[in-house]
Amino acid sequence: MSRRPHSLLGLFADIILAGLCLAAAATFAGKLFWLLDLASHFQVYYFWAATALLLGNLLLRRKRSALAAAALLGISGYHLLPYYLPRSQVAEQGTAHRLMLLNLNLTNQKTAAVTAEIAEHDPDILVLQEVTPRWRKELGALPAGFKHSFDLPEEGAFGIWVMSKFELEDLDVQRRDGVAFLHVRYKVGSRPLEVVALHPLPPVSGPASKIRDTILADASIYAAGEGSRIAVGDLNCSPWSPHFRSFLKTSGLRDTALGRGAQGTWLRGLLLGIPIDHVLVSPDIEVIDRIIGRDVGSDHRPVVVTFQFQKD
């Protein structure tokens, strides 16, 4: 006797649900194996899939499947909740500053869209990533409004360019496994500001994941300390990765996206995208606003953060 079509559909839905539950739960064991960490990046998708499966199973009165969907909803909701809890509004007092992060994408040809987006936001600190010699040449006139500009263009995906309207006090270039990250010290009025800009490898394999994790761990030490500090870059991990949480713990920084939703920055064509481009700040920096910019031809969207220093 053959199965009824709706029974086969229910079995297929249960298989999908079981796989999603395992993937969502894998977040807690992400440091054990790189594929488990990779599964952590899709919490937004787990949440909406769980919501649909829960409603469907409730309508069909499939109690056990509904409980499993509720469990998945609980796991993903646990990870997402801090990003949707309301945050107290910070009133702009004194001088506000703006930082802009953009992974250009080495194959992107839309130079005019990039320059227009930068001009519109007019950042005080601009961090560009995947800067190739071609990009450096095409954006050659860009640093005119900045007091300081430092670039390391590369033919691959790890060229970096940092510029600022603030006075430069010190700059240190670190390299790990051939990938550079910058530790820059600016003077904002009478106040020092340290900025760590990095772009580690994407975790596309076990060895690449280990290199990414090493770069994140080393850079988090440079981002730690006293005073005003910012870490910025395409970190190639989402907020739900245990390696991201380790970065926050070591550096003492916080995610500027908290309370503003899971703002996807990479693969925005994939529904909501995945948040892997980050701006992290020290406790004495207040975030006034954080927005995701327009499509400028890259597979990443710009991140623009407006901030101010707490009064001493």
C-alpha atoms as a PDB file:
ATOM      1  CA  MET A   1       0.000   0.000   0.000  1.00  0.00           C
ATOM      2  CA  SER A   2       1.471   3.335  -1.058  1.00  0.00           C
ATOM      3  CA  ARG A   3       1.781   6.298   1.260  1.00  0.00           C
ATOM      4  CA  ARG A   4      -0.669   9.107   0.868  1.00  0.00           C
ATOM      5  CA  PRO A   5       0.826  12.267  -0.707  1.00  0.00           C
ATOM      6  CA  HIS A   6       0.304  14.357   2.422  1.00  0.00           C
ATOM      7  CA  SER A   7       2.124  11.711   4.514  1.00  0.00           C
ATOM      8  CA  LEU A   8       5.117  11.848   2.199  1.00  0.00           C
ATOM      9  CA  LEU A   9       5.036  15.633   2.364  1.00  0.00           C
ATOM     10  CA  GLY A  10       4.951  15.490   6.157  1.00  0.00           C
ATOM     11  CA  LEU A  11       7.893  13.070   6.211  1.00  0.00           C
ATOM     12  CA  PHE A  12       9.866  15.347   3.895  1.00  0.00           C
ATOM     13  CA  ALA A  13       9.054  18.367   6.093  1.00  0.00           C
ATOM     14  CA  ASP A  14      10.162  16.449   9.199  1.00  0.00           C
ATOM     15  CA  ILE A  15      13.487  15.551   7.567  1.00  0.00           C
ATOM     16  CA  ILE A  16      14.059  19.213   6.732  1.00  0.00           C
ATOM     17  CA  LEU A  17      13.051  20.223  10.250  1.00  0.00           C
ATOM     18  CA  ALA A  18      15.444  17.714  11.832  1.00  0.00           C
ATOM     19  CA  GLY A  19      18.282  18.980   9.660  1.00  0.00           C
ATOM     20  CA  LEU A  20      17.547  22.603  10.563  1.00  0.00           C
ATOM     21  CA  CYS A  21      17.410  21.758  14.275  1.00  0.00           C
ATOM     22  CA  LEU A  22      20.808  20.090  14.063  1.00  0.00           C
ATOM     23  CA  ALA A  23      22.266  23.007  12.103  1.00  0.00           C
ATOM     24  CA  ALA A  24      20.918  25.606  14.548  1.00  0.00           C
ATOM     25  CA  ALA A  25      22.114  23.624  17.562  1.00  0.00           C
ATOM     26  CA  ALA A  26      25.551  23.239  15.953  1.00  0.00           C
ATOM     27  CA  THR A  27      26.177  26.899  16.786  1.00  0.00           C
ATOM     28  CA  PHE A  28      26.959  25.918  20.359  1.00  0.00           C
ATOM     29  CA  ALA A  29      29.709  23.544  19.183  1.00  0.00           C
ATOM     30  CA  GLY A  30      31.140  25.735  16.441  1.00  0.00           C
ATOM     31  CA  LYS A  31      34.688  25.635  17.800  1.00  0.00           C
ATOM     32  CA  LEU A  32      34.850  21.869  17.464  1.00  0.00           C
ATOM     33  CA  PHE A  33      34.653  21.721  13.675  1.00  0.00           C
ATOM     34  CA  TRP A  34      34.629  24.341  10.963  1.00  0.00           C
ATOM     35  CA  LEU A  35      31.426  23.104   9.298  1.00  0.00           C
ATOM     36  CA  LEU A  36      29.578  23.447  12.612  1.00  0.00           C
ATOM     37  CA  ASP A  37      30.746  27.048  12.807  1.00  0.00           C
ATOM     38  CA  LEU A  38      29.620  27.611   9.223  1.00  0.00           C
ATOM     39  CA  ALA A  39      26.123  26.490  10.195  1.00  0.00           C
ATOM     40  CA  SER A  40      25.918  29.269  12.790  1.00  0.00           C
ATOM     41  CA  HIS A  41      25.633  32.036  10.197  1.00  0.00           C
ATOM     42  CA  PHE A  42      22.051  31.329   9.128  1.00  0.00           C
ATOM     43  CA  GLN A  43      20.087  32.006  12.315  1.00  0.00           C
ATOM     44  CA  VAL A  44      17.727  34.443  10.573  1.00  0.00           C
ATOM     45  CA  TYR A  45      16.824  31.781   8.026  1.00  0.00           C
ATOM     46  CA  TYR A  46      16.379  29.140  10.727  1.00  0.00           C
ATOM     47  CA  PHE A  47      13.999  31.502  12.521  1.00  0.00           C
ATOM     48  CA  TRP A  48      11.722  32.084   9.540  1.00  0.00           C
ATOM     49  CA  ALA A  49      11.819  28.429   8.489  1.00  0.00           C
ATOM     50  CA  ALA A  50      10.891  27.429  12.049  1.00  0.00           C
ATOM     51  CA  THR A  51       8.014  29.922  12.074  1.00  0.00           C
ATOM     52  CA  ALA A  52       6.602  28.510   8.823  1.00  0.00           C
ATOM     53  CA  LEU A  53       7.030  24.899   9.958  1.00  0.00           C
ATOM     54  CA  LEU A  54       5.469  25.613  13.345  1.00  0.00           C
ATOM     55  CA  LEU A  55       2.388  27.213  11.823  1.00  0.00           C
ATOM     56  CA  GLY A  56       2.059  24.456   9.226  1.00  0.00           C
ATOM     57  CA  ASN A  57       2.323  21.668  11.793  1.00  0.00           C
ATOM     58  CA  LEU A  58      -0.135  23.370  14.117  1.00  0.00           C
ATOM     59  CA  LEU A  59      -2.647  23.658  11.302  1.00  0.00           C
ATOM     60  CA  LEU A  60      -2.156  19.964  10.487  1.00  0.00           C
ATOM     61  CA  ARG A  61      -2.278  19.059  14.199  1.00  0.00           C
ATOM     62  CA  ARG A  62       1.083  17.332  14.041  1.00  0.00           C
ATOM     63  CA  LYS A  63       2.010  17.893  17.674  1.00  0.00           C
ATOM     64  CA  ARG A  64       5.441  16.285  17.767  1.00  0.00           C
ATOM     65  CA  SER A  65       6.581  18.081  14.648  1.00  0.00           C
ATOM     66  CA  ALA A  66       5.158  21.322  16.023  1.00  0.00           C
ATOM     67  CA  LEU A  67       7.209  20.837  19.210  1.00  0.00           C
ATOM     68  CA  ALA A  68      10.348  20.265  17.152  1.00  0.00           C
ATOM     69  CA  ALA A  69       9.638  23.436  15.164  1.00  0.00           C
ATOM     70  CA  ALA A  70       9.091  25.322  18.428  1.00  0.00           C
ATOM     71  CA  ALA A  71      12.483  24.058  19.640  1.00  0.00           C
ATOM     72  CA  LEU A  72      14.133  25.334  16.454  1.00  0.00           C
ATOM     73  CA  LEU A  73      12.344  28.644  16.895  1.00  0.00           C
ATOM     74  CA  GLY A  74      13.638  28.832  20.451  1.00  0.00           C
ATOM     75  CA  ILE A  75      17.252  28.161  19.453  1.00  0.00           C
ATOM     76  CA  SER A  76      17.301  30.695  16.639  1.00  0.00           C
ATOM     77  CA  GLY A  77      15.307  33.196  18.695  1.00  0.00           C
ATOM     78  CA  TYR A  78      17.844  32.911  21.516  1.00  0.00           C
ATOM     79  CA  HIS A  79      20.608  33.966  19.144  1.00  0.00           C
ATOM     80  CA  LEU A  80      18.601  36.721  17.455  1.00  0.00           C
ATOM     81  CA  LEU A  81      16.935  38.283  20.491  1.00  0.00           C
ATOM     82  CA  PRO A  82      19.804  40.610  21.544  1.00  0.00           C
ATOM     83  CA  TYR A  83      19.728  42.165  18.086  1.00  0.00           C
ATOM     84  CA  TYR A  84      16.033  42.996  18.334  1.00  0.00           C
ATOM     85  CA  LEU A  85      15.691  44.023  21.970  1.00  0.00           C
ATOM     86  CA  PRO A  86      15.024  47.768  22.074  1.00  0.00           C
ATOM     87  CA  ARG A  87      18.025  49.889  22.955  1.00  0.00           C
ATOM     88  CA  SER A  88      17.854  53.236  24.685  1.00  0.00           C
ATOM     89  CA  GLN A  89      18.049  56.048  22.164  1.00  0.00           C
ATOM     90  CA  VAL A  90      21.251  58.063  22.270  1.00  0.00           C
ATOM     91  CA  ALA A  91      20.754  61.771  21.742  1.00  0.00           C
ATOM     92  CA  GLU A  92      23.421  63.498  19.715  1.00  0.00           C
ATOM     93  CA  GLN A  93      25.410  65.696  22.067  1.00  0.00           C
ATOM     94  CA  GLY A  94      28.539  67.500  21.080  1.00  0.00           C
ATOM     95  CA  THR A  95      30.402  66.287  18.014  1.00  0.00           C
ATOM     96  CA  ALA A  96      29.222  63.252  16.078  1.00  0.00           C
ATOM     97  CA  HIS A  97      31.588  61.270  13.885  1.00  0.00           C
ATOM     98  CA  ARG A  98      30.929  58.802  11.093  1.00  0.00           C
ATOM     99  CA  LEU A  99      32.710  55.618  10.061  1.00  0.00           C
ATOM    100  CA  MET A 100      32.062  53.798   6.805  1.00  0.00           C
ATOM    101  CA  LEU A 101      33.087  50.248   5.924  1.00  0.00           C
ATOM    102  CA  LEU A 102      32.852  48.875   2.396  1.00  0.00           C
ATOM    103  CA  ASN A 103      34.137  45.667   0.871  1.00  0.00           C
ATOM    104  CA  LEU A 104      34.490  46.830  -2.723  1.00  0.00           C
ATOM    105  CA  ASN A 105      34.643  43.334  -4.285  1.00  0.00           C
ATOM    106  CA  LEU A 106      37.651  42.920  -6.526  1.00  0.00           C
ATOM    107  CA  THR A 107      35.503  42.250  -9.636  1.00  0.00           C
ATOM    108  CA  ASN A 108      33.120  45.175  -9.099  1.00  0.00           C
ATOM    109  CA  GLN A 109      33.178  47.699 -11.964  1.00  0.00           C
ATOM    110  CA  LYS A 110      30.756  50.309 -10.585  1.00  0.00           C
ATOM    111  CA  THR A 111      33.270  52.962  -9.613  1.00  0.00           C
ATOM    112  CA  ALA A 112      30.768  55.822  -9.948  1.00  0.00           C
ATOM    113  CA  ALA A 113      28.310  54.119  -7.576  1.00  0.00           C
ATOM    114  CA  VAL A 114      31.084  53.597  -5.002  1.00  0.00           C
ATOM    115  CA  THR A 115      32.299  57.200  -5.125  1.00  0.00           C
ATOM    116  CA  ALA A 116      28.728  58.532  -4.953  1.00  0.00           C
ATOM    117  CA  GLU A 117      27.952  56.427  -1.879  1.00  0.00           C
ATOM    118  CA  ILE A 118      31.124  57.588  -0.136  1.00  0.00           C
ATOM    119  CA  ALA A 119      30.392  61.213  -0.992  1.00  0.00           C
ATOM    120  CA  GLU A 120      26.828  60.936   0.309  1.00  0.00           C
ATOM    121  CA  HIS A 121      27.846  59.615   3.728  1.00  0.00           C
ATOM    122  CA  ASP A 122      31.010  61.771   3.951  1.00  0.00           C
ATOM    123  CA  PRO A 123      32.697  59.613   6.613  1.00  0.00           C
ATOM    124  CA  ASP A 124      35.387  60.770   9.019  1.00  0.00           C
ATOM    125  CA  ILE A 125      36.928  57.304   8.832  1.00  0.00           C
ATOM    126  CA  LEU A 126      36.672  55.225   5.658  1.00  0.00           C
ATOM    127  CA  VAL A 127      37.732  51.575   5.519  1.00  0.00           C
ATOM    128  CA  LEU A 128      37.790  49.934   2.091  1.00  0.00           C
ATOM    129  CA  GLN A 129      38.502  46.244   1.576  1.00  0.00           C
ATOM    130  CA  GLU A 130      39.324  44.023  -1.420  1.00  0.00           C
ATOM    131  CA  VAL A 131      41.326  46.967  -2.728  1.00  0.00           C
ATOM    132  CA  THR A 132      43.168  45.931  -5.884  1.00  0.00           C
ATOM    133  CA  PRO A 133      45.671  48.082  -7.805  1.00  0.00           C
ATOM    134  CA  ARG A 134      42.821  48.803 -10.252  1.00  0.00           C
ATOM    135  CA  TRP A 135      40.586  50.039  -7.435  1.00  0.00           C
ATOM    136  CA  ARG A 136      43.439  52.128  -6.017  1.00  0.00           C
ATOM    137  CA  LYS A 137      43.926  53.776  -9.389  1.00  0.00           C
ATOM    138  CA  GLU A 138      40.235  54.376 -10.061  1.00  0.00           C
ATOM    139  CA  LEU A 139      39.683  55.855  -6.595  1.00  0.00           C
ATOM    140  CA  GLY A 140      42.961  57.748  -6.710  1.00  0.00           C
ATOM    141  CA  ALA A 141      41.424  61.182  -6.115  1.00  0.00           C
ATOM    142  CA  LEU A 142      39.380  59.986  -3.145  1.00  0.00           C
ATOM    143  CA  PRO A 143      41.776  60.857  -0.292  1.00  0.00           C
ATOM    144  CA  ALA A 144      41.695  64.592  -1.082  1.00  0.00           C
ATOM    145  CA  GLY A 145      39.370  65.368   1.858  1.00  0.00           C
ATOM    146  CA  PHE A 146      41.262  63.222   4.345  1.00  0.00           C
ATOM    147  CA  LYS A 147      44.239  64.136   6.499  1.00  0.00           C
ATOM    148  CA  HIS A 148      45.563  60.620   6.483  1.00  0.00           C
ATOM    149  CA  SER A 149      45.441  57.800   3.954  1.00  0.00           C
ATOM    150  CA  PHE A 150      47.178  54.431   4.026  1.00  0.00           C
ATOM    151  CA  ASP A 151      46.639  51.687   1.463  1.00  0.00           C
ATOM    152  CA  LEU A 152      47.907  48.184   0.805  1.00  0.00           C
ATOM    153  CA  PRO A 153      46.384  47.218  -2.567  1.00  0.00           C
ATOM    154  CA  GLU A 154      46.735  43.579  -3.612  1.00  0.00           C
ATOM    155  CA  GLU A 155      45.710  41.585  -6.651  1.00  0.00           C
ATOM    156  CA  GLY A 156      43.755  39.148  -4.485  1.00  0.00           C
ATOM    157  CA  ALA A 157      40.862  39.788  -2.136  1.00  0.00           C
ATOM    158  CA  PHE A 158      42.796  41.136   0.844  1.00  0.00           C
ATOM    159  CA  GLY A 159      43.946  44.610  -0.125  1.00  0.00           C
ATOM    160  CA  ILE A 160      42.967  47.263   2.402  1.00  0.00           C
ATOM    161  CA  TRP A 161      42.743  51.054   2.438  1.00  0.00           C
ATOM    162  CA  VAL A 162      42.081  53.187   5.504  1.00  0.00           C
ATOM    163  CA  MET A 163      41.703  56.941   5.474  1.00  0.00           C
ATOM    164  CA  SER A 164      40.599  59.519   8.014  1.00  0.00           C
ATOM    165  CA  LYS A 165      39.944  63.177   8.631  1.00  0.00           C
ATOM    166  CA  PHE A 166      41.554  62.761  12.055  1.00  0.00           C
ATOM    167  CA  GLU A 167      45.213  63.372  12.862  1.00  0.00           C
ATOM    168  CA  LEU A 168      47.363  60.258  12.666  1.00  0.00           C
ATOM    169  CA  GLU A 169      49.477  59.425  15.723  1.00  0.00           C
ATOM    170  CA  ASP A 170      50.674  55.920  14.911  1.00  0.00           C
ATOM    171  CA  LEU A 171      50.152  53.073  12.455  1.00  0.00           C
ATOM    172  CA  ASP A 172      51.173  49.450  12.745  1.00  0.00           C
ATOM    173  CA  VAL A 173      50.813  46.835   9.983  1.00  0.00           C
ATOM    174  CA  GLN A 174      50.500  43.230  11.133  1.00  0.00           C
ATOM    175  CA  ARG A 175      50.516  40.172   8.880  1.00  0.00           C
ATOM    176  CA  ARG A 176      49.254  36.697   9.614  1.00  0.00           C
ATOM    177  CA  ASP A 177      49.569  34.007   6.959  1.00  0.00           C
ATOM    178  CA  GLY A 178      50.078  36.677   4.324  1.00  0.00           C
ATOM    179  CA  VAL A 179      46.972  38.688   5.306  1.00  0.00           C
ATOM    180  CA  ALA A 180      47.468  42.208   6.662  1.00  0.00           C
ATOM    181  CA  PHE A 181      45.488  43.970   9.336  1.00  0.00           C
ATOM    182  CA  LEU A 182      46.043  47.533  10.535  1.00  0.00           C
ATOM    183  CA  HIS A 183      46.285  49.000  14.013  1.00  0.00           C
ATOM    184  CA  VAL A 184      45.908  52.765  13.714  1.00  0.00           C
ATOM    185  CA  ARG A 185      45.961  55.411  16.424  1.00  0.00           C
ATOM    186  CA  TYR A 186      44.246  58.728  15.709  1.00  0.00           C
ATOM    187  CA  LYS A 187      43.851  61.919  17.698  1.00  0.00           C
ATOM    188  CA  VAL A 188      40.291  63.232  17.780  1.00  0.00           C
ATOM    189  CA  GLY A 189      40.588  66.640  19.368  1.00  0.00           C
ATOM    190  CA  SER A 190      42.466  65.824  22.569  1.00  0.00           C
ATOM    191  CA  ARG A 191      41.207  62.248  22.628  1.00  0.00           C
ATOM    192  CA  PRO A 192      43.072  59.199  21.282  1.00  0.00           C
ATOM    193  CA  LEU A 193      41.142  56.692  19.173  1.00  0.00           C
ATOM    194  CA  GLU A 194      42.506  53.291  18.191  1.00  0.00           C
ATOM    195  CA  VAL A 195      41.148  51.536  15.113  1.00  0.00           C
ATOM    196  CA  VAL A 196      41.862  47.936  14.130  1.00  0.00           C
ATOM    197  CA  ALA A 197      40.904  47.177  10.515  1.00  0.00           C
ATOM    198  CA  LEU A 198      40.971  43.577   9.339  1.00  0.00           C
ATOM    199  CA  HIS A 199      39.692  41.184   6.688  1.00  0.00           C
ATOM    200  CA  PRO A 200      40.511  37.554   7.513  1.00  0.00           C
ATOM    201  CA  LEU A 201      40.091  34.627   5.153  1.00  0.00           C
ATOM    202  CA  PRO A 202      36.616  33.215   4.453  1.00  0.00           C
ATOM    203  CA  PRO A 203      36.039  29.860   6.205  1.00  0.00           C
ATOM    204  CA  VAL A 204      35.664  27.802   3.033  1.00  0.00           C
ATOM    205  CA  SER A 205      37.746  24.883   4.323  1.00  0.00           C
ATOM    206  CA  GLY A 206      39.273  23.567   7.508  1.00  0.00           C
ATOM    207  CA  PRO A 207      42.711  25.176   6.912  1.00  0.00           C
ATOM    208  CA  ALA A 208      41.171  28.499   5.811  1.00  0.00           C
ATOM    209  CA  SER A 209      38.971  28.508   8.908  1.00  0.00           C
ATOM    210  CA  LYS A 210      42.011  28.017  11.146  1.00  0.00           C
ATOM    211  CA  ILE A 211      43.765  30.965   9.507  1.00  0.00           C
ATOM    212  CA  ARG A 212      40.646  33.111   9.929  1.00  0.00           C
ATOM    213  CA  ASP A 213      40.384  32.132  13.577  1.00  0.00           C
ATOM    214  CA  THR A 214      44.069  32.934  14.178  1.00  0.00           C
ATOM    215  CA  ILE A 215      43.716  36.375  12.597  1.00  0.00           C
ATOM    216  CA  LEU A 216      40.580  37.088  14.625  1.00  0.00           C
ATOM    217  CA  ALA A 217      42.271  35.995  17.844  1.00  0.00           C
ATOM    218  CA  ASP A 218      45.412  38.072  17.200  1.00  0.00           C
ATOM    219  CA  ALA A 219      43.491  41.163  16.092  1.00  0.00           C
ATOM    220  CA  SER A 220      41.235  40.963  19.171  1.00  0.00           C
ATOM    221  CA  ILE A 221      44.321  41.383  21.357  1.00  0.00           C
ATOM    222  CA  TYR A 222      45.307  44.530  19.455  1.00  0.00           C
ATOM    223  CA  ALA A 223      41.742  45.819  19.838  1.00  0.00           C
ATOM    224  CA  ALA A 224      41.784  45.271  23.605  1.00  0.00           C
ATOM    225  CA  GLY A 225      42.927  47.782  26.205  1.00  0.00           C
ATOM    226  CA  GLU A 226      41.843  51.072  27.699  1.00  0.00           C
ATOM    227  CA  GLY A 227      40.418  54.107  25.987  1.00  0.00           C
ATOM    228  CA  SER A 228      38.362  54.547  22.844  1.00  0.00           C
ATOM    229  CA  ARG A 229      38.667  51.650  20.401  1.00  0.00           C
ATOM    230  CA  ILE A 230      36.996  50.449  17.203  1.00  0.00           C
ATOM    231  CA  ALA A 231      37.432  47.196  15.315  1.00  0.00           C
ATOM    232  CA  VAL A 232      36.077  47.212  11.782  1.00  0.00           C
ATOM    233  CA  GLY A 233      36.034  44.893   8.812  1.00  0.00           C
ATOM    234  CA  ASP A 234      34.583  42.032   6.855  1.00  0.00           C
ATOM    235  CA  LEU A 235      35.292  39.437   9.554  1.00  0.00           C
ATOM    236  CA  ASN A 236      33.937  36.551   7.488  1.00  0.00           C
ATOM    237  CA  CYS A 237      31.840  35.365  10.402  1.00  0.00           C
ATOM    238  CA  SER A 238      28.411  36.239  11.720  1.00  0.00           C
ATOM    239  CA  PRO A 239      27.549  37.465  15.237  1.00  0.00           C
ATOM    240  CA  TRP A 240      26.504  33.900  16.150  1.00  0.00           C
ATOM    241  CA  SER A 241      29.882  32.339  15.541  1.00  0.00           C
ATOM    242  CA  PRO A 242      31.727  31.340  18.738  1.00  0.00           C
ATOM    243  CA  HIS A 243      34.841  32.913  17.216  1.00  0.00           C
ATOM    244  CA  PHE A 244      33.014  36.243  16.941  1.00  0.00           C
ATOM    245  CA  ARG A 245      31.956  35.955  20.585  1.00  0.00           C
ATOM    246  CA  SER A 246      35.563  35.225  21.543  1.00  0.00           C
ATOM    247  CA  PHE A 247      36.646  38.358  19.678  1.00  0.00           C
ATOM    248  CA  LEU A 248      34.171  40.446  21.685  1.00  0.00           C
ATOM    249  CA  LYS A 249      35.232  38.865  24.971  1.00  0.00           C
ATOM    250  CA  THR A 250      38.963  39.389  24.410  1.00  0.00           C
ATOM    251  CA  SER A 251      38.683  42.902  22.981  1.00  0.00           C
ATOM    252  CA  GLY A 252      36.014  44.175  25.363  1.00  0.00           C
ATOM    253  CA  LEU A 253      34.136  45.672  22.419  1.00  0.00           C
ATOM    254  CA  ARG A 254      30.427  45.490  21.598  1.00  0.00           C
ATOM    255  CA  ASP A 255      28.554  45.062  18.355  1.00  0.00           C
ATOM    256  CA  THR A 256      27.053  48.294  17.004  1.00  0.00           C
ATOM    257  CA  ALA A 257      24.224  46.235  15.453  1.00  0.00           C
ATOM    258  CA  LEU A 258      22.741  45.300  18.846  1.00  0.00           C
ATOM    259  CA  GLY A 259      19.187  46.562  19.078  1.00  0.00           C
ATOM    260  CA  ARG A 260      19.120  47.389  15.378  1.00  0.00           C
ATOM    261  CA  GLY A 261      18.280  43.989  13.950  1.00  0.00           C
ATOM    262  CA  ALA A 262      20.309  41.389  12.106  1.00  0.00           C
ATOM    263  CA  GLN A 263      21.437  43.730   9.358  1.00  0.00           C
ATOM    264  CA  GLY A 264      22.616  41.470   6.561  1.00  0.00           C
ATOM    265  CA  THR A 265      25.530  42.907   4.592  1.00  0.00           C
ATOM    266  CA  TRP A 266      26.705  40.043   2.388  1.00  0.00           C
ATOM    267  CA  LEU A 267      24.664  38.282  -0.311  1.00  0.00           C
ATOM    268  CA  ARG A 268      21.745  40.660   0.122  1.00  0.00           C
ATOM    269  CA  GLY A 269      20.218  39.019  -2.952  1.00  0.00           C
ATOM    270  CA  LEU A 270      19.772  35.952  -0.740  1.00  0.00           C
ATOM    271  CA  LEU A 271      16.628  37.342   0.908  1.00  0.00           C
ATOM    272  CA  LEU A 272      17.997  39.030   4.060  1.00  0.00           C
ATOM    273  CA  GLY A 273      21.703  38.453   3.530  1.00  0.00           C
ATOM    274  CA  ILE A 274      24.209  37.467   6.217  1.00  0.00           C
ATOM    275  CA  PRO A 275      25.819  39.952   8.637  1.00  0.00           C
ATOM    276  CA  ILE A 276      29.571  39.460   8.269  1.00  0.00           C
ATOM    277  CA  ASP A 277      30.704  43.110   7.955  1.00  0.00           C
ATOM    278  CA  HIS A 278      31.126  44.523  11.434  1.00  0.00           C
ATOM    279  CA  VAL A 279      31.842  47.691  13.376  1.00  0.00           C
ATOM    280  CA  LEU A 280      32.639  47.022  17.034  1.00  0.00           C
ATOM    281  CA  VAL A 281      33.188  49.764  19.611  1.00  0.00           C
ATOM    282  CA  SER A 282      34.476  50.199  23.167  1.00  0.00           C
ATOM    283  CA  PRO A 283      32.046  51.009  26.032  1.00  0.00           C
ATOM    284  CA  ASP A 284      32.886  54.744  26.006  1.00  0.00           C
ATOM    285  CA  ILE A 285      31.641  55.140  22.432  1.00  0.00           C
ATOM    286  CA  GLU A 286      27.924  55.784  21.969  1.00  0.00           C
ATOM    287  CA  VAL A 287      26.270  54.707  18.736  1.00  0.00           C
ATOM    288  CA  ILE A 288      23.840  57.286  17.413  1.00  0.00           C
ATOM    289  CA  ASP A 289      22.940  55.484  14.203  1.00  0.00           C
ATOM    290  CA  ARG A 290      23.899  52.455  12.136  1.00  0.00           C
ATOM    291  CA  ILE A 291      22.643  51.907   8.616  1.00  0.00           C
ATOM    292  CA  ILE A 292      23.298  49.570   5.707  1.00  0.00           C
ATOM    293  CA  GLY A 293      24.070  51.455   2.525  1.00  0.00           C
ATOM    294  CA  ARG A 294      22.906  50.929  -1.029  1.00  0.00           C
ATOM    295  CA  ASP A 295      23.987  48.358  -3.570  1.00  0.00           C
ATOM    296  CA  VAL A 296      27.163  49.687  -5.183  1.00  0.00           C
ATOM    297  CA  GLY A 297      27.927  46.642  -7.335  1.00  0.00           C
ATOM    298  CA  SER A 298      29.702  44.628  -4.662  1.00  0.00           C
ATOM    299  CA  ASP A 299      28.423  41.449  -3.042  1.00  0.00           C
ATOM    300  CA  HIS A 300      28.685  43.438   0.217  1.00  0.00           C
ATOM    301  CA  ARG A 301      26.683  46.460   1.315  1.00  0.00           C
ATOM    302  CA  PRO A 302      28.363  49.394   3.081  1.00  0.00           C
ATOM    303  CA  VAL A 303      28.022  49.748   6.852  1.00  0.00           C
ATOM    304  CA  VAL A 304      27.800  53.337   8.121  1.00  0.00           C
ATOM    305  CA  VAL A 305      27.992  54.037  11.853  1.00  0.00           C
ATOM    306  CA  THR A 306      27.496  57.463  13.418  1.00  0.00           C
ATOM    307  CA  PHE A 307      28.989  57.685  16.893  1.00  0.00           C
ATOM    308  CA  GLN A 308      30.122  60.033  19.625  1.00  0.00           C
ATOM    309  CA  PHE A 309      32.362  59.801  22.635  1.00  0.00           C
ATOM    310  CA  GLN A 310      30.915  59.768  26.111  1.00  0.00           C
ATOM    311  CA  LYS A 311      31.825  62.838  28.088  1.00  0.00           C
ATOM    312  CA  ASP A 312      34.678  62.338  30.529  1.00  0.00           C
END
